[in-house]
Structures are given as structure tokens and as C-alpha cells.
Amino acid sequence: MSQSDVPEPGRPDGAGPAGSLSPTPVRALLQCVVVGLVLGWLVRPAVERLGGTAPIVTWGQPAALALVAVILGATAWLTHRAVHVRRQRLEPHQAVNRLVMARACARVGAGVGGAYFGYALSQLGLAAELADERAVRSGLAGLACVAVCVTGLLLERACRVRSDDEPL
């Protein structure tokens, strides 16, 4: 680990030397997955204890999440081509907006994906009418969230630029 890889004292996690950010830490994504998994698994028992029925997962939820992943992937690809292939500079506000969106989508994709997978796990083995449908649709929504997380990380990587002291 080089001196430039060590965060400065007093700087938040994920912040590298002044003026730079390190990639989204895997630990942060795993924390989002675990929290989402537990909360998703607790939804069904909590709702039933309050006298309600478990929420239904429609086909629209995985489809919407897949659409978000496609849009993020396209943005990552276009950003990579502009910055790394054509060597164009993004406007500062565009670069910051894309980086913030990428980091947020990676974390939200991890957390919401964990929640959908937790909800799917809570449906397994139930004799309820719609338990199988809920499990399958929740699993598909969780997979779409994994795609959102991955494309968010790809967009974050596409936003990285070579510093002046790095070799070509």
C-alpha cells in the first residue's frame, strides 16, 4: 500500500489524499447487503404480526430495477468511451453528478437487493397461496438490484481519471 492509498487522519472513510476519492469500499456494500437482508426477512413476520398480509411483489418491480441497471450501464459505457477512449474531459458538474449517482446506486442496489433476497427467503417453505410467486419475483428483483450495484460500480470506475504523475 503506497502512501497515497492511506486516508489522511480526520478524513471520512473512502476519502483518499486531498482532492481524490477511493473506490466504494466492499465493506460498505456488504454492510448494506446484510442490513437489507435482515430487514427484508423481517417484513413478512412484522406485517403478519400487525394483522396484515405479506406484500405482493409485482413484475413491475424487477422490470423497473432492470431498466435502472440498463440506464446505468449505458451511462457507464458512454462515460468510459468519452473519458478513456476519446480522452475528452467531462464538465466538472457532469463528473460529480455521475460519480455521486454511481456511488449511491451501488450502495442502494446492494441494500435493496439484500432486502429483496431477505424477503424471498422469508417466503420459502410457506404454504401460503402466493408464497412461491413472492419468492420468485423477489429473487428476480434482487438479481436486478445486483445488476444496479454492478453497473453503479462500473460507472464509478468509468469516472476515474488518470492523475498526471501516473504512467500511461
N, C-alpha and C. Protein backbone atom coordinates (compact mmCIF):
# COMPACT_ATOMS: atom_id res chain seq x y z
N MET A 1 0.86 -1.18 0.00
CA MET A 1 0.00 0.00 0.00
C MET A 1 0.89 1.22 0.00
N SER A 2 0.70 2.08 -0.95
CA SER A 2 1.54 3.26 -1.04
C SER A 2 1.02 4.35 -0.10
N GLN A 3 1.84 5.35 0.08
CA GLN A 3 1.47 6.46 0.96
C GLN A 3 0.21 7.15 0.47
N SER A 4 0.00 7.21 -0.85
CA SER A 4 -1.18 7.90 -1.38
C SER A 4 -2.46 7.10 -1.17
N ASP A 5 -2.35 5.79 -0.86
CA ASP A 5 -3.52 4.96 -0.64
C ASP A 5 -4.07 5.07 0.78
N VAL A 6 -3.29 5.63 1.68
CA VAL A 6 -3.69 5.73 3.08
C VAL A 6 -4.50 7.01 3.27
N PRO A 7 -5.76 6.89 3.78
CA PRO A 7 -6.55 8.11 4.00
C PRO A 7 -5.88 9.01 5.03
N GLU A 8 -6.03 10.29 4.85
CA GLU A 8 -5.46 11.24 5.78
C GLU A 8 -6.24 11.22 7.08
N PRO A 9 -5.55 11.45 8.23
CA PRO A 9 -6.27 11.49 9.51
C PRO A 9 -7.36 12.56 9.49
N GLY A 10 -8.51 12.24 10.03
CA GLY A 10 -9.61 13.19 10.11
C GLY A 10 -10.47 13.24 8.86
N ARG A 11 -10.09 12.49 7.82
CA ARG A 11 -10.88 12.47 6.58
C ARG A 11 -11.83 11.29 6.66
N PRO A 12 -13.04 11.42 6.12
CA PRO A 12 -14.01 10.33 6.19
C PRO A 12 -13.55 9.11 5.40
N ASP A 13 -14.12 7.94 5.76
CA ASP A 13 -13.81 6.69 5.08
C ASP A 13 -14.14 6.83 3.60
N GLY A 14 -13.27 6.33 2.75
CA GLY A 14 -13.48 6.44 1.32
C GLY A 14 -12.84 7.68 0.72
N ALA A 15 -12.29 8.54 1.57
CA ALA A 15 -11.61 9.72 1.06
C ALA A 15 -10.11 9.45 1.06
N GLY A 16 -9.48 9.63 -0.06
CA GLY A 16 -8.05 9.44 -0.18
C GLY A 16 -7.34 10.74 0.13
N PRO A 17 -6.20 10.94 -0.49
CA PRO A 17 -5.50 12.21 -0.31
C PRO A 17 -6.38 13.36 -0.76
N ALA A 18 -6.04 14.55 -0.31
CA ALA A 18 -6.86 15.72 -0.64
C ALA A 18 -7.11 15.80 -2.14
N GLY A 19 -8.38 15.97 -2.52
CA GLY A 19 -8.74 16.10 -3.92
C GLY A 19 -9.02 14.79 -4.63
N SER A 20 -9.02 13.68 -3.90
CA SER A 20 -9.31 12.40 -4.55
C SER A 20 -10.19 11.54 -3.66
N LEU A 21 -10.88 10.61 -4.29
CA LEU A 21 -11.73 9.65 -3.58
C LEU A 21 -11.27 8.25 -3.92
N SER A 22 -11.31 7.37 -2.94
CA SER A 22 -11.02 5.97 -3.24
C SER A 22 -12.31 5.31 -3.70
N PRO A 23 -12.20 4.17 -4.39
CA PRO A 23 -13.41 3.48 -4.84
C PRO A 23 -14.30 3.08 -3.66
N THR A 24 -15.57 2.83 -3.94
CA THR A 24 -16.51 2.43 -2.90
C THR A 24 -15.97 1.17 -2.21
N PRO A 25 -15.84 1.21 -0.89
CA PRO A 25 -15.30 0.04 -0.19
C PRO A 25 -16.27 -1.15 -0.24
N VAL A 26 -15.72 -2.34 -0.44
CA VAL A 26 -16.52 -3.55 -0.46
C VAL A 26 -17.22 -3.74 0.89
N ARG A 27 -16.55 -3.35 1.95
CA ARG A 27 -17.13 -3.47 3.29
C ARG A 27 -18.44 -2.69 3.40
N ALA A 28 -18.49 -1.51 2.81
CA ALA A 28 -19.71 -0.70 2.85
C ALA A 28 -20.84 -1.39 2.10
N LEU A 29 -20.52 -2.00 0.95
CA LEU A 29 -21.54 -2.71 0.19
C LEU A 29 -22.04 -3.93 0.95
N LEU A 30 -21.13 -4.65 1.60
CA LEU A 30 -21.53 -5.83 2.38
C LEU A 30 -22.40 -5.43 3.57
N GLN A 31 -22.10 -4.30 4.18
CA GLN A 31 -22.94 -3.82 5.28
C GLN A 31 -24.35 -3.50 4.77
N CYS A 32 -24.44 -2.90 3.61
CA CYS A 32 -25.76 -2.59 3.03
C CYS A 32 -26.52 -3.88 2.73
N VAL A 33 -25.83 -4.89 2.21
CA VAL A 33 -26.48 -6.17 1.90
C VAL A 33 -27.00 -6.82 3.17
N VAL A 34 -26.19 -6.86 4.21
CA VAL A 34 -26.60 -7.51 5.46
C VAL A 34 -27.78 -6.80 6.10
N VAL A 35 -27.73 -5.47 6.16
CA VAL A 35 -28.85 -4.72 6.75
C VAL A 35 -30.11 -4.95 5.93
N GLY A 36 -30.01 -4.89 4.60
CA GLY A 36 -31.16 -5.13 3.74
C GLY A 36 -31.70 -6.53 3.88
N LEU A 37 -30.81 -7.51 3.98
CA LEU A 37 -31.22 -8.91 4.12
C LEU A 37 -32.04 -9.11 5.40
N VAL A 38 -31.56 -8.56 6.49
CA VAL A 38 -32.27 -8.70 7.77
C VAL A 38 -33.62 -7.98 7.72
N LEU A 39 -33.62 -6.76 7.21
CA LEU A 39 -34.89 -6.01 7.14
C LEU A 39 -35.88 -6.68 6.20
N GLY A 40 -35.41 -7.17 5.06
CA GLY A 40 -36.30 -7.86 4.13
C GLY A 40 -36.87 -9.14 4.71
N TRP A 41 -36.06 -9.86 5.45
CA TRP A 41 -36.52 -11.09 6.08
C TRP A 41 -37.55 -10.80 7.17
N LEU A 42 -37.44 -9.64 7.84
CA LEU A 42 -38.35 -9.29 8.92
C LEU A 42 -39.69 -8.71 8.44
N VAL A 43 -39.80 -8.33 7.18
CA VAL A 43 -41.01 -7.68 6.69
C VAL A 43 -42.23 -8.58 6.87
N ARG A 44 -42.17 -9.81 6.37
CA ARG A 44 -43.33 -10.71 6.43
C ARG A 44 -43.79 -10.97 7.86
N PRO A 45 -42.90 -11.39 8.78
CA PRO A 45 -43.39 -11.62 10.15
C PRO A 45 -43.93 -10.36 10.82
N ALA A 46 -43.31 -9.22 10.55
CA ALA A 46 -43.78 -7.96 11.17
C ALA A 46 -45.16 -7.59 10.66
N VAL A 47 -45.38 -7.70 9.36
CA VAL A 47 -46.69 -7.34 8.79
C VAL A 47 -47.76 -8.30 9.28
N GLU A 48 -47.44 -9.58 9.31
CA GLU A 48 -48.42 -10.56 9.77
C GLU A 48 -48.74 -10.40 11.25
N ARG A 49 -47.75 -10.03 12.04
CA ARG A 49 -47.98 -9.80 13.47
C ARG A 49 -48.90 -8.61 13.69
N LEU A 50 -48.84 -7.66 12.80
CA LEU A 50 -49.71 -6.48 12.89
C LEU A 50 -51.07 -6.72 12.28
N GLY A 51 -51.33 -7.94 11.81
CA GLY A 51 -52.64 -8.29 11.30
C GLY A 51 -52.80 -8.11 9.80
N GLY A 52 -51.75 -7.82 9.10
CA GLY A 52 -51.84 -7.60 7.66
C GLY A 52 -51.41 -8.84 6.89
N THR A 53 -51.36 -8.70 5.58
CA THR A 53 -50.85 -9.77 4.74
C THR A 53 -49.52 -9.33 4.14
N ALA A 54 -48.69 -10.30 3.84
CA ALA A 54 -47.37 -10.00 3.28
C ALA A 54 -47.52 -9.26 1.96
N PRO A 55 -46.67 -8.28 1.72
CA PRO A 55 -46.75 -7.50 0.47
C PRO A 55 -46.53 -8.39 -0.75
N ILE A 56 -47.20 -8.03 -1.83
CA ILE A 56 -47.05 -8.75 -3.08
C ILE A 56 -46.00 -8.03 -3.92
N VAL A 57 -45.11 -8.81 -4.51
CA VAL A 57 -44.11 -8.26 -5.41
C VAL A 57 -44.63 -8.46 -6.83
N THR A 58 -44.82 -7.37 -7.55
CA THR A 58 -45.33 -7.46 -8.92
C THR A 58 -44.18 -7.58 -9.90
N TRP A 59 -44.51 -7.85 -11.16
CA TRP A 59 -43.48 -7.93 -12.20
C TRP A 59 -42.88 -6.56 -12.48
N GLY A 60 -43.60 -5.51 -12.12
CA GLY A 60 -43.11 -4.16 -12.37
C GLY A 60 -41.85 -3.83 -11.58
N GLN A 61 -41.72 -4.38 -10.39
CA GLN A 61 -40.57 -4.06 -9.56
C GLN A 61 -39.26 -4.58 -10.15
N PRO A 62 -39.15 -5.87 -10.50
CA PRO A 62 -37.90 -6.29 -11.14
C PRO A 62 -37.68 -5.62 -12.50
N ALA A 63 -38.76 -5.35 -13.23
CA ALA A 63 -38.62 -4.70 -14.54
C ALA A 63 -38.08 -3.28 -14.38
N ALA A 64 -38.59 -2.54 -13.42
CA ALA A 64 -38.11 -1.17 -13.20
C ALA A 64 -36.65 -1.16 -12.76
N LEU A 65 -36.29 -2.09 -11.89
CA LEU A 65 -34.90 -2.18 -11.44
C LEU A 65 -33.97 -2.58 -12.58
N ALA A 66 -34.44 -3.47 -13.44
CA ALA A 66 -33.64 -3.86 -14.61
C ALA A 66 -33.45 -2.66 -15.55
N LEU A 67 -34.49 -1.86 -15.70
CA LEU A 67 -34.39 -0.66 -16.53
C LEU A 67 -33.35 0.31 -15.96
N VAL A 68 -33.35 0.47 -14.65
CA VAL A 68 -32.36 1.33 -14.00
C VAL A 68 -30.95 0.79 -14.27
N ALA A 69 -30.78 -0.53 -14.18
CA ALA A 69 -29.47 -1.13 -14.45
C ALA A 69 -29.04 -0.90 -15.89
N VAL A 70 -29.97 -1.00 -16.82
CA VAL A 70 -29.65 -0.77 -18.23
C VAL A 70 -29.23 0.69 -18.45
N ILE A 71 -29.95 1.61 -17.85
CA ILE A 71 -29.62 3.03 -18.00
C ILE A 71 -28.26 3.33 -17.38
N LEU A 72 -28.00 2.77 -16.20
CA LEU A 72 -26.69 2.96 -15.56
C LEU A 72 -25.58 2.36 -16.39
N GLY A 73 -25.83 1.17 -16.92
CA GLY A 73 -24.82 0.53 -17.76
C GLY A 73 -24.51 1.34 -18.99
N ALA A 74 -25.54 1.89 -19.63
CA ALA A 74 -25.34 2.73 -20.81
C ALA A 74 -24.56 3.99 -20.45
N THR A 75 -24.90 4.58 -19.31
CA THR A 75 -24.18 5.77 -18.86
C THR A 75 -22.72 5.45 -18.56
N ALA A 76 -22.47 4.29 -17.94
CA ALA A 76 -21.10 3.86 -17.66
C ALA A 76 -20.32 3.67 -18.96
N TRP A 77 -20.95 3.04 -19.93
CA TRP A 77 -20.29 2.78 -21.21
C TRP A 77 -19.97 4.10 -21.92
N LEU A 78 -20.95 5.00 -21.99
CA LEU A 78 -20.74 6.29 -22.64
C LEU A 78 -19.67 7.12 -21.92
N THR A 79 -19.68 7.07 -20.60
CA THR A 79 -18.69 7.81 -19.82
C THR A 79 -17.30 7.23 -20.05
N HIS A 80 -17.19 5.91 -20.04
CA HIS A 80 -15.90 5.26 -20.29
C HIS A 80 -15.36 5.63 -21.68
N ARG A 81 -16.22 5.58 -22.67
CA ARG A 81 -15.79 5.93 -24.04
C ARG A 81 -15.33 7.38 -24.10
N ALA A 82 -16.06 8.27 -23.47
CA ALA A 82 -15.71 9.69 -23.52
C ALA A 82 -14.40 9.97 -22.79
N VAL A 83 -14.25 9.42 -21.60
CA VAL A 83 -13.09 9.76 -20.76
C VAL A 83 -11.85 8.95 -21.13
N HIS A 84 -12.02 7.66 -21.38
CA HIS A 84 -10.85 6.80 -21.55
C HIS A 84 -10.51 6.49 -23.01
N VAL A 85 -11.47 6.49 -23.90
CA VAL A 85 -11.20 6.18 -25.30
C VAL A 85 -10.95 7.46 -26.10
N ARG A 86 -11.86 8.38 -26.00
CA ARG A 86 -11.74 9.64 -26.75
C ARG A 86 -10.91 10.69 -26.02
N ARG A 87 -10.60 10.44 -24.76
CA ARG A 87 -9.82 11.35 -23.92
C ARG A 87 -10.46 12.73 -23.81
N GLN A 88 -11.79 12.75 -23.73
CA GLN A 88 -12.50 14.02 -23.54
C GLN A 88 -12.63 14.30 -22.05
N ARG A 89 -12.72 15.56 -21.73
CA ARG A 89 -12.95 15.95 -20.34
C ARG A 89 -14.44 16.18 -20.14
N LEU A 90 -14.96 15.65 -19.05
CA LEU A 90 -16.34 15.95 -18.68
C LEU A 90 -16.37 17.30 -18.00
N GLU A 91 -17.48 17.97 -18.12
CA GLU A 91 -17.67 19.19 -17.33
C GLU A 91 -17.63 18.79 -15.86
N PRO A 92 -17.08 19.63 -14.99
CA PRO A 92 -16.97 19.25 -13.57
C PRO A 92 -18.30 18.83 -12.95
N HIS A 93 -19.38 19.55 -13.25
CA HIS A 93 -20.67 19.19 -12.66
C HIS A 93 -21.16 17.84 -13.19
N GLN A 94 -20.85 17.51 -14.45
CA GLN A 94 -21.24 16.22 -15.00
C GLN A 94 -20.47 15.09 -14.31
N ALA A 95 -19.19 15.30 -14.13
CA ALA A 95 -18.36 14.28 -13.49
C ALA A 95 -18.82 14.02 -12.06
N VAL A 96 -19.09 15.09 -11.33
CA VAL A 96 -19.53 14.93 -9.93
C VAL A 96 -20.90 14.27 -9.88
N ASN A 97 -21.82 14.70 -10.75
CA ASN A 97 -23.15 14.10 -10.77
C ASN A 97 -23.08 12.60 -11.06
N ARG A 98 -22.28 12.22 -12.04
CA ARG A 98 -22.17 10.81 -12.39
C ARG A 98 -21.51 10.01 -11.28
N LEU A 99 -20.51 10.58 -10.65
CA LEU A 99 -19.84 9.88 -9.55
C LEU A 99 -20.77 9.69 -8.36
N VAL A 100 -21.50 10.74 -8.02
CA VAL A 100 -22.44 10.64 -6.89
C VAL A 100 -23.53 9.63 -7.21
N MET A 101 -24.05 9.67 -8.43
CA MET A 101 -25.08 8.71 -8.82
C MET A 101 -24.53 7.29 -8.78
N ALA A 102 -23.31 7.10 -9.25
CA ALA A 102 -22.71 5.78 -9.27
C ALA A 102 -22.55 5.22 -7.85
N ARG A 103 -22.00 6.03 -6.96
CA ARG A 103 -21.78 5.56 -5.59
C ARG A 103 -23.11 5.29 -4.87
N ALA A 104 -24.09 6.16 -5.09
CA ALA A 104 -25.40 5.96 -4.46
C ALA A 104 -26.08 4.71 -5.01
N CYS A 105 -26.04 4.52 -6.31
CA CYS A 105 -26.68 3.34 -6.91
C CYS A 105 -26.01 2.05 -6.46
N ALA A 106 -24.70 2.07 -6.29
CA ALA A 106 -24.01 0.87 -5.82
C ALA A 106 -24.49 0.50 -4.42
N ARG A 107 -24.56 1.48 -3.53
CA ARG A 107 -24.98 1.19 -2.15
C ARG A 107 -26.47 0.87 -2.07
N VAL A 108 -27.29 1.63 -2.76
CA VAL A 108 -28.74 1.37 -2.72
C VAL A 108 -29.05 0.04 -3.39
N GLY A 109 -28.39 -0.26 -4.49
CA GLY A 109 -28.58 -1.55 -5.14
C GLY A 109 -28.22 -2.70 -4.22
N ALA A 110 -27.14 -2.56 -3.47
CA ALA A 110 -26.74 -3.60 -2.52
C ALA A 110 -27.77 -3.75 -1.40
N GLY A 111 -28.21 -2.63 -0.82
CA GLY A 111 -29.16 -2.69 0.29
C GLY A 111 -30.53 -3.18 -0.12
N VAL A 112 -31.06 -2.65 -1.21
CA VAL A 112 -32.39 -3.06 -1.66
C VAL A 112 -32.35 -4.50 -2.18
N GLY A 113 -31.25 -4.86 -2.84
CA GLY A 113 -31.09 -6.25 -3.28
C GLY A 113 -31.09 -7.20 -2.10
N GLY A 114 -30.38 -6.83 -1.04
CA GLY A 114 -30.41 -7.65 0.17
C GLY A 114 -31.81 -7.76 0.74
N ALA A 115 -32.56 -6.66 0.70
CA ALA A 115 -33.94 -6.68 1.22
C ALA A 115 -34.82 -7.61 0.39
N TYR A 116 -34.71 -7.55 -0.93
CA TYR A 116 -35.50 -8.45 -1.78
C TYR A 116 -35.10 -9.91 -1.55
N PHE A 117 -33.82 -10.18 -1.43
CA PHE A 117 -33.39 -11.56 -1.17
C PHE A 117 -33.86 -12.03 0.20
N GLY A 118 -33.82 -11.13 1.20
CA GLY A 118 -34.33 -11.49 2.52
C GLY A 118 -35.81 -11.78 2.50
N TYR A 119 -36.56 -10.98 1.75
CA TYR A 119 -38.00 -11.21 1.63
C TYR A 119 -38.27 -12.53 0.92
N ALA A 120 -37.49 -12.82 -0.12
CA ALA A 120 -37.64 -14.10 -0.83
C ALA A 120 -37.36 -15.26 0.10
N LEU A 121 -36.34 -15.14 0.93
CA LEU A 121 -36.02 -16.21 1.89
C LEU A 121 -37.14 -16.41 2.90
N SER A 122 -37.79 -15.32 3.29
CA SER A 122 -38.87 -15.44 4.27
C SER A 122 -40.09 -16.15 3.69
N GLN A 123 -40.17 -16.24 2.37
CA GLN A 123 -41.32 -16.89 1.71
C GLN A 123 -41.10 -18.38 1.49
N LEU A 124 -39.86 -18.82 1.57
CA LEU A 124 -39.56 -20.22 1.29
C LEU A 124 -40.18 -21.13 2.34
N GLY A 125 -40.79 -22.19 1.87
CA GLY A 125 -41.38 -23.19 2.77
C GLY A 125 -42.75 -22.82 3.31
N LEU A 126 -43.31 -21.71 2.90
CA LEU A 126 -44.64 -21.32 3.37
C LEU A 126 -45.71 -22.00 2.53
N ALA A 127 -46.82 -22.31 3.16
CA ALA A 127 -47.93 -22.93 2.44
C ALA A 127 -48.90 -21.88 1.88
N ALA A 128 -48.58 -20.62 2.01
CA ALA A 128 -49.46 -19.55 1.53
C ALA A 128 -49.60 -19.63 0.01
N GLU A 129 -50.75 -19.16 -0.46
CA GLU A 129 -51.08 -19.18 -1.88
C GLU A 129 -50.02 -18.53 -2.76
N LEU A 130 -49.63 -17.33 -2.42
CA LEU A 130 -48.74 -16.54 -3.26
C LEU A 130 -47.29 -16.60 -2.83
N ALA A 131 -46.93 -17.49 -1.92
CA ALA A 131 -45.56 -17.53 -1.40
C ALA A 131 -44.55 -17.81 -2.50
N ASP A 132 -44.85 -18.75 -3.38
CA ASP A 132 -43.91 -19.07 -4.45
C ASP A 132 -43.73 -17.89 -5.41
N GLU A 133 -44.85 -17.24 -5.76
CA GLU A 133 -44.76 -16.07 -6.64
C GLU A 133 -43.95 -14.96 -5.99
N ARG A 134 -44.20 -14.72 -4.70
CA ARG A 134 -43.46 -13.68 -3.99
C ARG A 134 -41.97 -14.01 -3.96
N ALA A 135 -41.64 -15.27 -3.73
CA ALA A 135 -40.23 -15.67 -3.66
C ALA A 135 -39.54 -15.49 -5.01
N VAL A 136 -40.19 -15.94 -6.08
CA VAL A 136 -39.59 -15.84 -7.41
C VAL A 136 -39.43 -14.38 -7.83
N ARG A 137 -40.47 -13.59 -7.67
CA ARG A 137 -40.40 -12.18 -8.08
C ARG A 137 -39.42 -11.40 -7.21
N SER A 138 -39.38 -11.71 -5.93
CA SER A 138 -38.41 -11.05 -5.05
C SER A 138 -36.99 -11.44 -5.44
N GLY A 139 -36.79 -12.71 -5.77
CA GLY A 139 -35.47 -13.15 -6.22
C GLY A 139 -35.03 -12.45 -7.50
N LEU A 140 -35.97 -12.30 -8.44
CA LEU A 140 -35.66 -11.59 -9.68
C LEU A 140 -35.37 -10.11 -9.42
N ALA A 141 -36.13 -9.51 -8.53
CA ALA A 141 -35.87 -8.12 -8.17
C ALA A 141 -34.51 -7.99 -7.49
N GLY A 142 -34.16 -8.97 -6.66
CA GLY A 142 -32.84 -8.97 -6.03
C GLY A 142 -31.72 -9.07 -7.06
N LEU A 143 -31.92 -9.92 -8.06
CA LEU A 143 -30.92 -10.03 -9.14
C LEU A 143 -30.81 -8.72 -9.92
N ALA A 144 -31.94 -8.07 -10.16
CA ALA A 144 -31.91 -6.77 -10.84
C ALA A 144 -31.16 -5.75 -9.99
N CYS A 145 -31.30 -5.83 -8.67
CA CYS A 145 -30.56 -4.92 -7.78
C CYS A 145 -29.07 -5.21 -7.83
N VAL A 146 -28.70 -6.47 -7.96
CA VAL A 146 -27.29 -6.81 -8.13
C VAL A 146 -26.76 -6.13 -9.40
N ALA A 147 -27.56 -6.17 -10.47
CA ALA A 147 -27.17 -5.50 -11.71
C ALA A 147 -27.04 -3.99 -11.50
N VAL A 148 -27.93 -3.39 -10.72
CA VAL A 148 -27.84 -1.96 -10.42
C VAL A 148 -26.54 -1.68 -9.67
N CYS A 149 -26.22 -2.50 -8.69
CA CYS A 149 -25.00 -2.33 -7.90
C CYS A 149 -23.76 -2.44 -8.80
N VAL A 150 -23.72 -3.47 -9.64
CA VAL A 150 -22.56 -3.69 -10.51
C VAL A 150 -22.42 -2.55 -11.52
N THR A 151 -23.50 -2.14 -12.14
CA THR A 151 -23.40 -1.05 -13.11
C THR A 151 -23.07 0.28 -12.43
N GLY A 152 -23.50 0.44 -11.18
CA GLY A 152 -23.09 1.62 -10.42
C GLY A 152 -21.58 1.63 -10.19
N LEU A 153 -21.03 0.46 -9.86
CA LEU A 153 -19.58 0.35 -9.67
C LEU A 153 -18.84 0.58 -10.99
N LEU A 154 -19.42 0.09 -12.09
CA LEU A 154 -18.80 0.32 -13.40
C LEU A 154 -18.80 1.80 -13.76
N LEU A 155 -19.89 2.48 -13.46
CA LEU A 155 -19.96 3.93 -13.72
C LEU A 155 -18.94 4.66 -12.84
N GLU A 156 -18.82 4.24 -11.60
CA GLU A 156 -17.83 4.86 -10.72
C GLU A 156 -16.43 4.68 -11.29
N ARG A 157 -16.15 3.48 -11.78
CA ARG A 157 -14.84 3.21 -12.38
C ARG A 157 -14.63 4.03 -13.65
N ALA A 158 -15.68 4.21 -14.44
CA ALA A 158 -15.58 5.00 -15.67
C ALA A 158 -15.28 6.46 -15.37
N CYS A 159 -15.67 6.93 -14.19
CA CYS A 159 -15.43 8.33 -13.82
C CYS A 159 -13.99 8.57 -13.37
N ARG A 160 -13.24 7.51 -13.11
CA ARG A 160 -11.86 7.67 -12.66
C ARG A 160 -11.01 8.23 -13.78
N VAL A 161 -10.17 9.16 -13.44
CA VAL A 161 -9.24 9.72 -14.40
C VAL A 161 -7.82 9.49 -13.90
N ARG A 162 -6.91 9.39 -14.85
CA ARG A 162 -5.50 9.18 -14.53
C ARG A 162 -4.93 10.49 -13.99
N SER A 163 -4.20 10.37 -12.90
CA SER A 163 -3.55 11.58 -12.39
C SER A 163 -2.33 11.87 -13.24
N ASP A 164 -1.83 13.07 -13.17
CA ASP A 164 -0.72 13.50 -14.03
C ASP A 164 0.57 12.74 -13.76
N ASP A 165 0.76 12.23 -12.52
CA ASP A 165 2.00 11.54 -12.20
C ASP A 165 1.95 10.03 -12.46
N GLU A 166 0.79 9.50 -12.87
CA GLU A 166 0.68 8.07 -13.19
C GLU A 166 1.20 7.82 -14.59
N PRO A 167 1.89 6.67 -14.79
CA PRO A 167 2.35 6.34 -16.14
C PRO A 167 1.20 5.99 -17.05
N LEU A 168 1.39 6.14 -18.36
CA LEU A 168 0.37 5.77 -19.33
C LEU A 168 0.26 4.31 -19.33
